[in-house]
């Protein structure tokens, strides 16, 4: 069973698939206020704009991060 996590901000769901993650650190470098590997939860999408979140997710090299709009 996959351990996919979802984090919500307004009408955007940030989806993280840990099995795909290669720990390149692009997310942490681009949005350090959102992605903090030492925190629980480690993704806090409320700390960025939806536009910034989408831009960062589109730069995830492994595809571990994705998003869905509702």
PDB file of N, CA and C in Angstrom:
ATOM      1  N   UNK A   1       0.827  -1.188   0.000  1.00  0.00           N
ATOM      2  CA  UNK A   1       0.000   0.000   0.000  1.00  0.00           C
ATOM      3  C   UNK A   1       0.876   1.259   0.000  1.00  0.00           C
ATOM      4  N   UNK A   2       0.555   2.174  -0.870  1.00  0.00           N
ATOM      5  CA  UNK A   2       1.343   3.395  -0.965  1.00  0.00           C
ATOM      6  C   UNK A   2       0.964   4.355   0.155  1.00  0.00           C
ATOM      7  N   UNK A   3       1.947   5.109   0.604  1.00  0.00           N
ATOM      8  CA  UNK A   3       1.749   6.038   1.710  1.00  0.00           C
ATOM      9  C   UNK A   3       1.701   7.469   1.183  1.00  0.00           C
ATOM     10  N   UNK A   4       0.764   7.737   0.292  1.00  0.00           N
ATOM     11  CA  UNK A   4       0.654   9.056  -0.329  1.00  0.00           C
ATOM     12  C   UNK A   4      -0.022  10.019   0.650  1.00  0.00           C
ATOM     13  N   UNK A   5       0.569  11.189   0.790  1.00  0.00           N
ATOM     14  CA  UNK A   5       0.047  12.209   1.710  1.00  0.00           C
ATOM     15  C   UNK A   5      -0.518  13.375   0.915  1.00  0.00           C
ATOM     16  N   UNK A   6      -1.572  13.973   1.447  1.00  0.00           N
ATOM     17  CA  UNK A   6      -2.185  15.148   0.809  1.00  0.00           C
ATOM     18  C   UNK A   6      -2.247  16.287   1.812  1.00  0.00           C
ATOM     19  N   UNK A   7      -1.952  17.478   1.307  1.00  0.00           N
ATOM     20  CA  UNK A   7      -1.966  18.691   2.116  1.00  0.00           C
ATOM     21  C   UNK A   7      -2.786  19.720   1.360  1.00  0.00           C
ATOM     22  N   UNK A   8      -3.707  20.388   2.035  1.00  0.00           N
ATOM     23  CA  UNK A   8      -4.655  21.258   1.354  1.00  0.00           C
ATOM     24  C   UNK A   8      -4.408  22.734   1.652  1.00  0.00           C
ATOM     25  N   UNK A   9      -4.553  23.536   0.608  1.00  0.00           N
ATOM     26  CA  UNK A   9      -4.598  24.990   0.746  1.00  0.00           C
ATOM     27  C   UNK A   9      -5.692  25.486  -0.182  1.00  0.00           C
ATOM     28  N   UNK A  10      -6.733  26.025   0.393  1.00  0.00           N
ATOM     29  CA  UNK A  10      -7.893  26.510  -0.365  1.00  0.00           C
ATOM     30  C   UNK A  10      -8.364  25.423  -1.319  1.00  0.00           C
ATOM     31  N   UNK A  11      -8.331  25.676  -2.638  1.00  0.00           N
ATOM     32  CA  UNK A  11      -8.828  24.680  -3.599  1.00  0.00           C
ATOM     33  C   UNK A  11      -7.701  23.846  -4.211  1.00  0.00           C
ATOM     34  N   UNK A  12      -6.519  23.878  -3.593  1.00  0.00           N
ATOM     35  CA  UNK A  12      -5.364  23.138  -4.118  1.00  0.00           C
ATOM     36  C   UNK A  12      -4.962  22.044  -3.141  1.00  0.00           C
ATOM     37  N   UNK A  13      -4.788  20.833  -3.659  1.00  0.00           N
ATOM     38  CA  UNK A  13      -4.264  19.735  -2.859  1.00  0.00           C
ATOM     39  C   UNK A  13      -2.843  19.456  -3.327  1.00  0.00           C
ATOM     40  N   UNK A  14      -1.902  19.540  -2.400  1.00  0.00           N
ATOM     41  CA  UNK A  14      -0.518  19.161  -2.673  1.00  0.00           C
ATOM     42  C   UNK A  14      -0.404  17.683  -2.331  1.00  0.00           C
ATOM     43  N   UNK A  15       0.076  16.890  -3.281  1.00  0.00           N
ATOM     44  CA  UNK A  15       0.148  15.442  -3.115  1.00  0.00           C
ATOM     45  C   UNK A  15       1.614  15.032  -3.106  1.00  0.00           C
ATOM     46  N   UNK A  16       2.005  14.270  -2.086  1.00  0.00           N
ATOM     47  CA  UNK A  16       3.395  13.806  -1.973  1.00  0.00           C
ATOM     48  C   UNK A  16       3.428  12.287  -1.950  1.00  0.00           C
ATOM     49  N   UNK A  17       4.181  11.711  -2.875  1.00  0.00           N
ATOM     50  CA  UNK A  17       4.373  10.267  -2.946  1.00  0.00           C
ATOM     51  C   UNK A  17       5.801   9.961  -2.499  1.00  0.00           C
ATOM     52  N   UNK A  18       5.994   9.553  -1.242  1.00  0.00           N
ATOM     53  CA  UNK A  18       7.349   9.344  -0.726  1.00  0.00           C
ATOM     54  C   UNK A  18       8.145   8.281  -1.482  1.00  0.00           C
ATOM     55  N   UNK A  19       7.464   7.307  -2.103  1.00  0.00           N
ATOM     56  CA  UNK A  19       8.188   6.266  -2.844  1.00  0.00           C
ATOM     57  C   UNK A  19       8.884   6.815  -4.091  1.00  0.00           C
ATOM     58  N   UNK A  20       8.366   7.906  -4.638  1.00  0.00           N
ATOM     59  CA  UNK A  20       8.973   8.522  -5.826  1.00  0.00           C
ATOM     60  C   UNK A  20      10.068   9.524  -5.463  1.00  0.00           C
ATOM     61  N   UNK A  21      10.077   9.981  -4.219  1.00  0.00           N
ATOM     62  CA  UNK A  21      10.959  11.066  -3.802  1.00  0.00           C
ATOM     63  C   UNK A  21      12.428  10.636  -3.862  1.00  0.00           C
ATOM     64  N   UNK A  22      13.255  11.450  -4.534  1.00  0.00           N
ATOM     65  CA  UNK A  22      14.695  11.183  -4.618  1.00  0.00           C
ATOM     66  C   UNK A  22      15.489  12.134  -3.715  1.00  0.00           C
ATOM     67  N   UNK A  23      14.802  12.917  -2.927  1.00  0.00           N
ATOM     68  CA  UNK A  23      15.417  13.839  -1.960  1.00  0.00           C
ATOM     69  C   UNK A  23      16.418  14.787  -2.612  1.00  0.00           C
ATOM     70  N   UNK A  24      16.036  15.314  -3.772  1.00  0.00           N
ATOM     71  CA  UNK A  24      16.885  16.275  -4.482  1.00  0.00           C
ATOM     72  C   UNK A  24      16.927  17.616  -3.740  1.00  0.00           C
ATOM     73  N   UNK A  25      15.897  17.903  -2.950  1.00  0.00           N
ATOM     74  CA  UNK A  25      15.888  19.123  -2.158  1.00  0.00           C
ATOM     75  C   UNK A  25      15.411  20.363  -2.894  1.00  0.00           C
ATOM     76  N   UNK A  26      14.907  20.203  -4.101  1.00  0.00           N
ATOM     77  CA  UNK A  26      14.423  21.349  -4.878  1.00  0.00           C
ATOM     78  C   UNK A  26      13.281  22.042  -4.140  1.00  0.00           C
ATOM     79  N   UNK A  27      12.393  21.264  -3.556  1.00  0.00           N
ATOM     80  CA  UNK A  27      11.254  21.848  -2.835  1.00  0.00           C
ATOM     81  C   UNK A  27      11.732  22.704  -1.664  1.00  0.00           C
ATOM     82  N   UNK A  28      12.674  22.176  -0.888  1.00  0.00           N
ATOM     83  CA  UNK A  28      13.180  22.894   0.286  1.00  0.00           C
ATOM     84  C   UNK A  28      13.910  24.169  -0.137  1.00  0.00           C
ATOM     85  N   UNK A  29      14.694  24.081  -1.219  1.00  0.00           N
ATOM     86  CA  UNK A  29      15.427  25.260  -1.696  1.00  0.00           C
ATOM     87  C   UNK A  29      14.490  26.337  -2.226  1.00  0.00           C
ATOM     88  N   UNK A  30      13.447  25.930  -2.955  1.00  0.00           N
ATOM     89  CA  UNK A  30      12.535  26.899  -3.560  1.00  0.00           C
ATOM     90  C   UNK A  30      11.574  27.513  -2.548  1.00  0.00           C
ATOM     91  N   UNK A  31      11.048  26.700  -1.635  1.00  0.00           N
ATOM     92  CA  UNK A  31      10.051  27.185  -0.671  1.00  0.00           C
ATOM     93  C   UNK A  31      10.364  26.652   0.734  1.00  0.00           C
ATOM     94  N   UNK A  32      11.419  27.186   1.362  1.00  0.00           N
ATOM     95  CA  UNK A  32      11.805  26.669   2.685  1.00  0.00           C
ATOM     96  C   UNK A  32      10.757  26.889   3.775  1.00  0.00           C
ATOM     97  N   UNK A  33       9.849  27.846   3.580  1.00  0.00           N
ATOM     98  CA  UNK A  33       8.796  28.065   4.584  1.00  0.00           C
ATOM     99  C   UNK A  33       7.667  27.037   4.446  1.00  0.00           C
ATOM    100  N   UNK A  34       7.621  26.347   3.316  1.00  0.00           N
ATOM    101  CA  UNK A  34       6.595  25.321   3.079  1.00  0.00           C
ATOM    102  C   UNK A  34       7.134  23.927   3.383  1.00  0.00           C
ATOM    103  N   UNK A  35       8.355  23.652   2.942  1.00  0.00           N
ATOM    104  CA  UNK A  35       8.934  22.309   3.056  1.00  0.00           C
ATOM    105  C   UNK A  35      10.038  22.301   4.107  1.00  0.00           C
ATOM    106  N   UNK A  36       9.774  21.635   5.224  1.00  0.00           N
ATOM    107  CA  UNK A  36      10.747  21.526   6.305  1.00  0.00           C
ATOM    108  C   UNK A  36      10.826  20.062   6.727  1.00  0.00           C
ATOM    109  N   UNK A  37      11.855  19.343   6.248  1.00  0.00           N
ATOM    110  CA  UNK A  37      11.960  17.903   6.539  1.00  0.00           C
ATOM    111  C   UNK A  37      12.024  17.570   8.032  1.00  0.00           C
ATOM    112  N   UNK A  38      12.381  18.531   8.862  1.00  0.00           N
ATOM    113  CA  UNK A  38      12.482  18.266  10.309  1.00  0.00           C
ATOM    114  C   UNK A  38      11.146  18.467  11.035  1.00  0.00           C
ATOM    115  N   UNK A  39      10.175  19.069  10.367  1.00  0.00           N
ATOM    116  CA  UNK A  39       8.886  19.381  11.005  1.00  0.00           C
ATOM    117  C   UNK A  39       7.849  18.287  10.751  1.00  0.00           C
ATOM    118  N   UNK A  40       6.827  18.279  11.567  1.00  0.00           N
ATOM    119  CA  UNK A  40       5.670  17.392  11.363  1.00  0.00           C
ATOM    120  C   UNK A  40       4.423  18.252  11.439  1.00  0.00           C
ATOM    121  N   UNK A  41       3.589  18.373  10.425  1.00  0.00           N
ATOM    122  CA  UNK A  41       3.844  17.832   9.089  1.00  0.00           C
ATOM    123  C   UNK A  41       4.965  18.613   8.400  1.00  0.00           C
ATOM    124  N   UNK A  42       5.636  17.965   7.491  1.00  0.00           N
ATOM    125  CA  UNK A  42       6.795  18.615   6.866  1.00  0.00           C
ATOM    126  C   UNK A  42       6.394  19.528   5.713  1.00  0.00           C
ATOM    127  N   UNK A  43       5.147  19.438   5.258  1.00  0.00           N
ATOM    128  CA  UNK A  43       4.646  20.327   4.208  1.00  0.00           C
ATOM    129  C   UNK A  43       3.547  21.205   4.809  1.00  0.00           C
ATOM    130  N   UNK A  44       3.746  22.521   4.738  1.00  0.00           N
ATOM    131  CA  UNK A  44       2.744  23.474   5.222  1.00  0.00           C
ATOM    132  C   UNK A  44       2.411  24.438   4.083  1.00  0.00           C
ATOM    133  N   UNK A  45       1.478  24.032   3.211  1.00  0.00           N
ATOM    134  CA  UNK A  45       1.170  24.822   2.021  1.00  0.00           C
ATOM    135  C   UNK A  45       0.605  26.202   2.321  1.00  0.00           C
ATOM    136  N   UNK A  46       0.082  26.405   3.536  1.00  0.00           N
ATOM    137  CA  UNK A  46      -0.463  27.719   3.874  1.00  0.00           C
ATOM    138  C   UNK A  46       0.627  28.793   3.923  1.00  0.00           C
ATOM    139  N   UNK A  47       1.896  28.402   3.886  1.00  0.00           N
ATOM    140  CA  UNK A  47       3.003  29.357   3.954  1.00  0.00           C
ATOM    141  C   UNK A  47       3.467  29.866   2.590  1.00  0.00           C
ATOM    142  N   UNK A  48       2.688  29.628   1.541  1.00  0.00           N
ATOM    143  CA  UNK A  48       3.035  30.121   0.203  1.00  0.00           C
ATOM    144  C   UNK A  48       1.756  30.383  -0.582  1.00  0.00           C
ATOM    145  N   UNK A  49       1.900  31.134  -1.663  1.00  0.00           N
ATOM    146  CA  UNK A  49       0.750  31.363  -2.540  1.00  0.00           C
ATOM    147  C   UNK A  49       0.510  30.107  -3.379  1.00  0.00           C
ATOM    148  N   UNK A  50      -0.698  29.987  -3.877  1.00  0.00           N
ATOM    149  CA  UNK A  50      -1.017  28.851  -4.745  1.00  0.00           C
ATOM    150  C   UNK A  50      -0.135  28.878  -5.991  1.00  0.00           C
ATOM    151  N   UNK A  51       0.102  30.055  -6.529  1.00  0.00           N
ATOM    152  CA  UNK A  51       0.962  30.181  -7.714  1.00  0.00           C
ATOM    153  C   UNK A  51       2.381  29.689  -7.418  1.00  0.00           C
ATOM    154  N   UNK A  52       2.936  30.077  -6.272  1.00  0.00           N
ATOM    155  CA  UNK A  52       4.279  29.625  -5.895  1.00  0.00           C
ATOM    156  C   UNK A  52       4.319  28.118  -5.667  1.00  0.00           C
ATOM    157  N   UNK A  53       3.277  27.577  -5.050  1.00  0.00           N
ATOM    158  CA  UNK A  53       3.211  26.130  -4.837  1.00  0.00           C
ATOM    159  C   UNK A  53       3.210  25.377  -6.164  1.00  0.00           C
ATOM    160  N   UNK A  54       2.372  25.805  -7.089  1.00  0.00           N
ATOM    161  CA  UNK A  54       2.301  25.135  -8.400  1.00  0.00           C
ATOM    162  C   UNK A  54       3.633  25.215  -9.127  1.00  0.00           C
ATOM    163  N   UNK A  55       4.262  26.389  -9.101  1.00  0.00           N
ATOM    164  CA  UNK A  55       5.549  26.572  -9.763  1.00  0.00           C
ATOM    165  C   UNK A  55       6.599  25.630  -9.175  1.00  0.00           C
ATOM    166  N   UNK A  56       6.659  25.545  -7.866  1.00  0.00           N
ATOM    167  CA  UNK A  56       7.630  24.667  -7.221  1.00  0.00           C
ATOM    168  C   UNK A  56       7.334  23.203  -7.540  1.00  0.00           C
ATOM    169  N   UNK A  57       6.083  22.792  -7.445  1.00  0.00           N
ATOM    170  CA  UNK A  57       5.717  21.399  -7.715  1.00  0.00           C
ATOM    171  C   UNK A  57       6.066  21.019  -9.148  1.00  0.00           C
ATOM    172  N   UNK A  58       5.872  21.936 -10.079  1.00  0.00           N
ATOM    173  CA  UNK A  58       6.227  21.672 -11.478  1.00  0.00           C
ATOM    174  C   UNK A  58       7.726  21.497 -11.672  1.00  0.00           C
ATOM    175  N   UNK A  59       8.527  21.923 -10.694  1.00  0.00           N
ATOM    176  CA  UNK A  59       9.980  21.776 -10.764  1.00  0.00           C
ATOM    177  C   UNK A  59      10.507  20.561 -10.009  1.00  0.00           C
ATOM    178  N   UNK A  60       9.628  19.760  -9.444  1.00  0.00           N
ATOM    179  CA  UNK A  60      10.056  18.570  -8.709  1.00  0.00           C
ATOM    180  C   UNK A  60      10.637  17.557  -9.701  1.00  0.00           C
ATOM    181  N   UNK A  61      11.937  17.216  -9.577  1.00  0.00           N
ATOM    182  CA  UNK A  61      12.573  16.369 -10.584  1.00  0.00           C
ATOM    183  C   UNK A  61      12.089  14.922 -10.607  1.00  0.00           C
ATOM    184  N   UNK A  62      11.562  14.423  -9.496  1.00  0.00           N
ATOM    185  CA  UNK A  62      11.156  13.015  -9.445  1.00  0.00           C
ATOM    186  C   UNK A  62       9.674  12.804  -9.727  1.00  0.00           C
ATOM    187  N   UNK A  63       8.892  13.875  -9.637  1.00  0.00           N
ATOM    188  CA  UNK A  63       7.450  13.724  -9.766  1.00  0.00           C
ATOM    189  C   UNK A  63       6.792  13.267  -8.472  1.00  0.00           C
ATOM    190  N   UNK A  64       7.550  13.277  -7.372  1.00  0.00           N
ATOM    191  CA  UNK A  64       6.987  12.865  -6.081  1.00  0.00           C
ATOM    192  C   UNK A  64       5.935  13.860  -5.599  1.00  0.00           C
ATOM    193  N   UNK A  65       6.092  15.112  -5.994  1.00  0.00           N
ATOM    194  CA  UNK A  65       5.110  16.139  -5.650  1.00  0.00           C
ATOM    195  C   UNK A  65       4.222  16.413  -6.861  1.00  0.00           C
ATOM    196  N   UNK A  66       2.924  16.458  -6.620  1.00  0.00           N
ATOM    197  CA  UNK A  66       1.977  16.827  -7.667  1.00  0.00           C
ATOM    198  C   UNK A  66       0.864  17.606  -6.990  1.00  0.00           C
ATOM    199  N   UNK A  67      -0.069  18.100  -7.791  1.00  0.00           N
ATOM    200  CA  UNK A  67      -1.192  18.818  -7.187  1.00  0.00           C
ATOM    201  C   UNK A  67      -2.458  18.571  -7.974  1.00  0.00           C
ATOM    202  N   UNK A  68      -3.574  18.808  -7.271  1.00  0.00           N
ATOM    203  CA  UNK A  68      -4.894  18.679  -7.901  1.00  0.00           C
ATOM    204  C   UNK A  68      -5.717  19.872  -7.417  1.00  0.00           C
ATOM    205  N   UNK A  69      -6.433  20.462  -8.346  1.00  0.00           N
ATOM    206  CA  UNK A  69      -7.303  21.584  -8.000  1.00  0.00           C
ATOM    207  C   UNK A  69      -8.754  21.105  -7.957  1.00  0.00           C
ATOM    208  N   UNK A  70      -9.504  21.665  -7.000  1.00  0.00           N
ATOM    209  CA  UNK A  70     -10.909  21.267  -6.898  1.00  0.00           C
ATOM    210  C   UNK A  70     -11.811  22.474  -7.066  1.00  0.00           C
TER     211      UNK A  70
END
